[in-house]
């Protein structure tokens, strides 16, 4: 079943046979709900999974900065700095509880 607000899969992900989805996030019932692909970096030489997630999240912040530049004329550097500031503040003092369980994805 498709959600009416489901985002499109990028064309590069459709073309690349080795592409993999890493994270999905929804705001539902006034909370954040996520599906995350834990273990995707297993077996990749010299890769520390928490560090790899840090890189992924930093790259997401840069994509948000670029999108807000393109859509609203925002300075992407300012956007990333604002995201960083709130990210660190939220890690230090969460504005809400987070709940949920890890669900292993289906293989094959």
N, C-alpha and C. Protein backbone atom coordinates (compact mmCIF):
# COMPACT_ATOMS: atom_id res chain seq x y z
N UNK A 1 0.84 -1.18 0.00
CA UNK A 1 0.00 0.00 0.00
C UNK A 1 0.88 1.24 0.00
N UNK A 2 0.65 2.15 -0.90
CA UNK A 2 1.47 3.34 -1.04
C UNK A 2 0.83 4.51 -0.29
N UNK A 3 1.65 5.22 0.44
CA UNK A 3 1.21 6.43 1.13
C UNK A 3 1.14 7.55 0.11
N UNK A 4 0.16 8.40 0.20
CA UNK A 4 0.01 9.47 -0.78
C UNK A 4 1.17 10.45 -0.75
N UNK A 5 1.93 10.52 0.35
CA UNK A 5 3.07 11.42 0.45
C UNK A 5 4.40 10.69 0.28
N UNK A 6 4.37 9.45 -0.22
CA UNK A 6 5.60 8.69 -0.40
C UNK A 6 6.51 9.39 -1.41
N UNK A 7 7.78 9.47 -1.07
CA UNK A 7 8.74 10.15 -1.94
C UNK A 7 9.21 9.21 -3.05
N UNK A 8 9.62 9.79 -4.17
CA UNK A 8 10.06 8.95 -5.28
C UNK A 8 11.45 8.35 -5.01
N UNK A 9 11.70 7.21 -5.61
CA UNK A 9 13.03 6.60 -5.55
C UNK A 9 13.90 7.33 -6.57
N UNK A 10 15.08 7.80 -6.18
CA UNK A 10 15.96 8.51 -7.13
C UNK A 10 16.33 7.62 -8.32
N UNK A 11 16.46 8.23 -9.48
CA UNK A 11 16.79 7.49 -10.69
C UNK A 11 18.10 6.72 -10.56
N UNK A 12 19.10 7.31 -9.90
CA UNK A 12 20.38 6.62 -9.73
C UNK A 12 20.20 5.32 -8.94
N UNK A 13 19.32 5.35 -7.95
CA UNK A 13 19.06 4.14 -7.16
C UNK A 13 18.38 3.08 -8.00
N UNK A 14 17.56 3.50 -8.93
CA UNK A 14 16.89 2.55 -9.82
C UNK A 14 17.89 1.92 -10.80
N UNK A 15 18.87 2.71 -11.24
CA UNK A 15 19.85 2.23 -12.22
C UNK A 15 20.90 1.32 -11.61
N UNK A 16 21.29 1.59 -10.36
CA UNK A 16 22.42 0.90 -9.72
C UNK A 16 21.95 -0.39 -9.06
N UNK A 17 22.41 -1.51 -9.59
CA UNK A 17 22.01 -2.82 -9.05
C UNK A 17 22.50 -3.01 -7.61
N UNK A 18 23.51 -2.25 -7.20
CA UNK A 18 24.04 -2.39 -5.83
C UNK A 18 23.44 -1.36 -4.86
N UNK A 19 22.48 -0.56 -5.33
CA UNK A 19 21.90 0.45 -4.44
C UNK A 19 21.13 -0.25 -3.32
N UNK A 20 21.00 0.45 -2.20
CA UNK A 20 20.24 -0.09 -1.07
C UNK A 20 19.62 1.08 -0.31
N UNK A 21 18.43 0.88 0.17
CA UNK A 21 17.76 1.90 0.97
C UNK A 21 18.33 1.84 2.38
N UNK A 22 18.66 2.99 2.93
CA UNK A 22 19.30 3.04 4.24
C UNK A 22 18.36 3.51 5.35
N UNK A 23 17.46 4.41 5.01
CA UNK A 23 16.57 4.95 6.05
C UNK A 23 15.28 5.46 5.42
N UNK A 24 14.19 5.25 6.15
CA UNK A 24 12.91 5.88 5.85
C UNK A 24 12.44 6.52 7.14
N UNK A 25 11.80 7.65 7.04
CA UNK A 25 11.31 8.34 8.23
C UNK A 25 9.94 8.93 7.94
N UNK A 26 9.05 8.79 8.90
CA UNK A 26 7.69 9.31 8.78
C UNK A 26 7.35 10.08 10.06
N UNK A 27 6.53 11.09 9.91
CA UNK A 27 5.88 11.73 11.05
C UNK A 27 4.46 11.20 11.04
N UNK A 28 4.12 10.45 12.10
CA UNK A 28 2.79 9.84 12.21
C UNK A 28 2.39 9.85 13.68
N UNK A 29 1.12 10.09 13.92
CA UNK A 29 0.62 10.12 15.29
C UNK A 29 1.46 11.04 16.17
N UNK A 30 1.88 12.16 15.56
CA UNK A 30 2.64 13.21 16.23
C UNK A 30 4.00 12.73 16.74
N UNK A 31 4.58 11.71 16.10
CA UNK A 31 5.89 11.19 16.47
C UNK A 31 6.67 10.84 15.21
N UNK A 32 7.97 10.65 15.37
CA UNK A 32 8.83 10.21 14.28
C UNK A 32 8.93 8.69 14.31
N UNK A 33 8.75 8.08 13.14
CA UNK A 33 8.86 6.62 13.00
C UNK A 33 9.88 6.36 11.91
N UNK A 34 10.80 5.45 12.16
CA UNK A 34 11.89 5.18 11.21
C UNK A 34 12.06 3.70 10.95
N UNK A 35 12.47 3.40 9.74
CA UNK A 35 13.01 2.09 9.39
C UNK A 35 14.45 2.34 8.98
N UNK A 36 15.37 1.60 9.58
CA UNK A 36 16.79 1.82 9.28
C UNK A 36 17.46 0.51 8.91
N UNK A 37 18.41 0.60 8.02
CA UNK A 37 19.11 -0.56 7.49
C UNK A 37 20.41 -0.76 8.28
N UNK A 38 20.28 -1.37 9.44
CA UNK A 38 21.44 -1.65 10.28
C UNK A 38 22.18 -2.86 9.73
N UNK A 39 23.50 -2.79 9.72
CA UNK A 39 24.32 -3.90 9.26
C UNK A 39 24.69 -3.83 7.79
N UNK A 40 24.25 -2.78 7.12
CA UNK A 40 24.52 -2.66 5.69
C UNK A 40 26.01 -2.52 5.39
N UNK A 41 26.76 -1.98 6.34
CA UNK A 41 28.18 -1.77 6.12
C UNK A 41 29.02 -2.95 6.62
N UNK A 42 28.38 -3.99 7.15
CA UNK A 42 29.13 -5.16 7.60
C UNK A 42 29.93 -5.75 6.45
N UNK A 43 31.16 -6.08 6.74
CA UNK A 43 32.01 -6.70 5.72
C UNK A 43 32.69 -5.71 4.80
N UNK A 44 32.37 -4.41 4.93
CA UNK A 44 33.05 -3.40 4.14
C UNK A 44 34.33 -3.05 4.89
N UNK A 45 35.45 -3.28 4.25
CA UNK A 45 36.76 -3.12 4.89
C UNK A 45 36.93 -1.72 5.49
N UNK A 46 37.46 -1.68 6.70
CA UNK A 46 37.77 -0.43 7.41
C UNK A 46 36.55 0.47 7.61
N UNK A 47 35.36 -0.11 7.74
CA UNK A 47 34.16 0.69 7.94
C UNK A 47 33.60 0.45 9.33
N UNK A 48 33.48 1.53 10.07
CA UNK A 48 32.87 1.51 11.39
C UNK A 48 31.42 1.98 11.22
N UNK A 49 30.47 1.12 11.58
CA UNK A 49 29.06 1.43 11.30
C UNK A 49 28.61 2.76 11.91
N UNK A 50 28.88 3.05 13.20
CA UNK A 50 28.45 4.36 13.71
C UNK A 50 29.07 5.54 12.94
N UNK A 51 30.33 5.41 12.56
CA UNK A 51 30.96 6.49 11.78
C UNK A 51 30.30 6.62 10.41
N UNK A 52 29.97 5.49 9.79
CA UNK A 52 29.31 5.52 8.48
C UNK A 52 27.94 6.20 8.58
N UNK A 53 27.20 5.93 9.67
CA UNK A 53 25.91 6.60 9.86
C UNK A 53 26.11 8.10 10.06
N UNK A 54 27.18 8.48 10.75
CA UNK A 54 27.47 9.91 10.92
C UNK A 54 27.69 10.59 9.58
N UNK A 55 28.43 9.92 8.68
CA UNK A 55 28.66 10.46 7.34
C UNK A 55 27.34 10.55 6.59
N UNK A 56 26.52 9.50 6.66
CA UNK A 56 25.23 9.51 5.97
C UNK A 56 24.37 10.68 6.45
N UNK A 57 24.29 10.88 7.78
CA UNK A 57 23.46 11.96 8.31
C UNK A 57 24.01 13.33 7.92
N UNK A 58 25.33 13.48 7.87
CA UNK A 58 25.93 14.74 7.42
C UNK A 58 25.60 15.00 5.96
N UNK A 59 25.67 13.95 5.15
CA UNK A 59 25.32 14.09 3.74
C UNK A 59 23.86 14.47 3.56
N UNK A 60 22.98 13.90 4.39
CA UNK A 60 21.55 14.26 4.34
C UNK A 60 21.40 15.74 4.66
N UNK A 61 22.10 16.23 5.67
CA UNK A 61 22.02 17.66 6.03
C UNK A 61 22.45 18.53 4.85
N UNK A 62 23.49 18.13 4.15
CA UNK A 62 23.94 18.91 2.98
C UNK A 62 22.89 18.88 1.87
N UNK A 63 22.24 17.73 1.67
CA UNK A 63 21.17 17.65 0.66
C UNK A 63 20.01 18.57 1.03
N UNK A 64 19.67 18.64 2.32
CA UNK A 64 18.61 19.55 2.77
C UNK A 64 19.02 20.99 2.49
N UNK A 65 20.27 21.32 2.80
CA UNK A 65 20.77 22.67 2.52
C UNK A 65 20.67 23.03 1.05
N UNK A 66 21.07 22.10 0.19
CA UNK A 66 21.00 22.36 -1.25
C UNK A 66 19.55 22.47 -1.72
N UNK A 67 18.67 21.63 -1.19
CA UNK A 67 17.26 21.69 -1.58
C UNK A 67 16.63 23.02 -1.16
N UNK A 68 16.95 23.48 0.06
CA UNK A 68 16.39 24.77 0.50
C UNK A 68 16.99 25.93 -0.28
N UNK A 69 18.22 25.80 -0.72
CA UNK A 69 18.80 26.81 -1.61
C UNK A 69 18.00 26.86 -2.90
N UNK A 70 17.77 25.68 -3.51
CA UNK A 70 17.08 25.62 -4.80
C UNK A 70 15.62 26.04 -4.71
N UNK A 71 14.95 25.69 -3.61
CA UNK A 71 13.52 25.97 -3.50
C UNK A 71 13.20 27.33 -2.89
N UNK A 72 14.09 27.81 -1.98
CA UNK A 72 13.73 29.03 -1.25
C UNK A 72 14.84 30.08 -1.23
N UNK A 73 15.97 29.77 -1.88
CA UNK A 73 17.06 30.74 -1.92
C UNK A 73 17.89 30.81 -0.65
N UNK A 74 17.75 29.82 0.22
CA UNK A 74 18.51 29.81 1.48
C UNK A 74 19.98 29.54 1.21
N UNK A 75 20.83 30.03 2.10
CA UNK A 75 22.26 29.74 2.02
C UNK A 75 22.48 28.34 2.58
N UNK A 76 22.98 27.39 1.77
CA UNK A 76 23.13 26.01 2.25
C UNK A 76 24.08 25.89 3.44
N UNK A 77 25.07 26.75 3.53
CA UNK A 77 25.98 26.72 4.69
C UNK A 77 25.22 27.07 5.96
N UNK A 78 24.38 28.12 5.89
CA UNK A 78 23.57 28.50 7.05
C UNK A 78 22.59 27.40 7.43
N UNK A 79 22.02 26.75 6.43
CA UNK A 79 21.08 25.66 6.70
C UNK A 79 21.78 24.53 7.44
N UNK A 80 22.95 24.12 6.96
CA UNK A 80 23.68 23.02 7.60
C UNK A 80 24.09 23.41 9.02
N UNK A 81 24.51 24.65 9.22
CA UNK A 81 24.87 25.10 10.57
C UNK A 81 23.65 25.06 11.50
N UNK A 82 22.48 25.45 11.01
CA UNK A 82 21.26 25.42 11.83
C UNK A 82 20.88 23.98 12.15
N UNK A 83 21.00 23.09 11.16
CA UNK A 83 20.71 21.68 11.40
C UNK A 83 21.68 21.12 12.44
N UNK A 84 22.95 21.45 12.30
CA UNK A 84 23.97 20.97 13.25
C UNK A 84 23.66 21.44 14.67
N UNK A 85 23.32 22.72 14.80
CA UNK A 85 23.01 23.28 16.11
C UNK A 85 21.83 22.55 16.75
N UNK A 86 20.77 22.36 16.00
CA UNK A 86 19.59 21.68 16.54
C UNK A 86 19.87 20.20 16.79
N UNK A 87 20.64 19.57 15.92
CA UNK A 87 21.01 18.17 16.09
C UNK A 87 21.72 17.96 17.43
N UNK A 88 22.71 18.79 17.70
CA UNK A 88 23.46 18.67 18.95
C UNK A 88 22.58 19.00 20.16
N UNK A 89 21.73 20.02 20.02
CA UNK A 89 20.82 20.37 21.12
C UNK A 89 19.85 19.23 21.39
N UNK A 90 19.32 18.63 20.34
CA UNK A 90 18.35 17.54 20.50
C UNK A 90 19.00 16.31 21.10
N UNK A 91 20.25 16.03 20.74
CA UNK A 91 20.96 14.92 21.36
C UNK A 91 21.19 15.18 22.84
N UNK A 92 21.47 16.43 23.18
CA UNK A 92 21.73 16.79 24.57
C UNK A 92 20.49 16.82 25.44
N UNK A 93 19.42 17.39 24.91
CA UNK A 93 18.17 17.51 25.64
C UNK A 93 17.00 17.28 24.69
N UNK A 94 16.57 16.02 24.54
CA UNK A 94 15.49 15.71 23.60
C UNK A 94 14.21 16.47 23.91
N UNK A 95 13.54 16.92 22.85
CA UNK A 95 12.27 17.62 23.02
C UNK A 95 11.11 16.65 23.22
N UNK A 96 11.35 15.37 22.95
CA UNK A 96 10.32 14.36 23.17
C UNK A 96 10.99 12.99 23.34
N UNK A 97 10.22 12.06 23.88
CA UNK A 97 10.71 10.69 24.00
C UNK A 97 10.73 10.05 22.62
N UNK A 98 11.63 9.10 22.44
CA UNK A 98 11.57 8.31 21.22
C UNK A 98 11.29 6.87 21.61
N UNK A 99 10.40 6.26 20.87
CA UNK A 99 9.97 4.89 21.16
C UNK A 99 10.15 4.06 19.91
N UNK A 100 10.07 2.78 20.08
CA UNK A 100 10.10 1.91 18.93
C UNK A 100 11.02 0.73 19.16
N UNK A 101 10.95 -0.20 18.23
CA UNK A 101 11.73 -1.41 18.29
C UNK A 101 12.48 -1.57 16.99
N UNK A 102 13.54 -2.34 17.05
CA UNK A 102 14.28 -2.71 15.84
C UNK A 102 13.57 -3.89 15.20
N UNK A 103 13.28 -3.79 13.93
CA UNK A 103 12.66 -4.88 13.20
C UNK A 103 13.62 -5.29 12.09
N UNK A 104 14.03 -6.54 12.10
CA UNK A 104 14.94 -7.04 11.08
C UNK A 104 14.24 -7.06 9.74
N UNK A 105 14.89 -6.52 8.72
CA UNK A 105 14.31 -6.50 7.38
C UNK A 105 14.22 -7.90 6.79
N UNK A 106 13.40 -8.01 5.80
CA UNK A 106 13.24 -9.29 5.12
C UNK A 106 14.39 -9.51 4.16
N UNK A 107 14.90 -10.71 4.08
CA UNK A 107 15.97 -11.04 3.16
C UNK A 107 15.38 -11.52 1.86
N UNK A 108 16.15 -11.26 0.78
CA UNK A 108 15.73 -11.77 -0.52
C UNK A 108 14.83 -10.82 -1.13
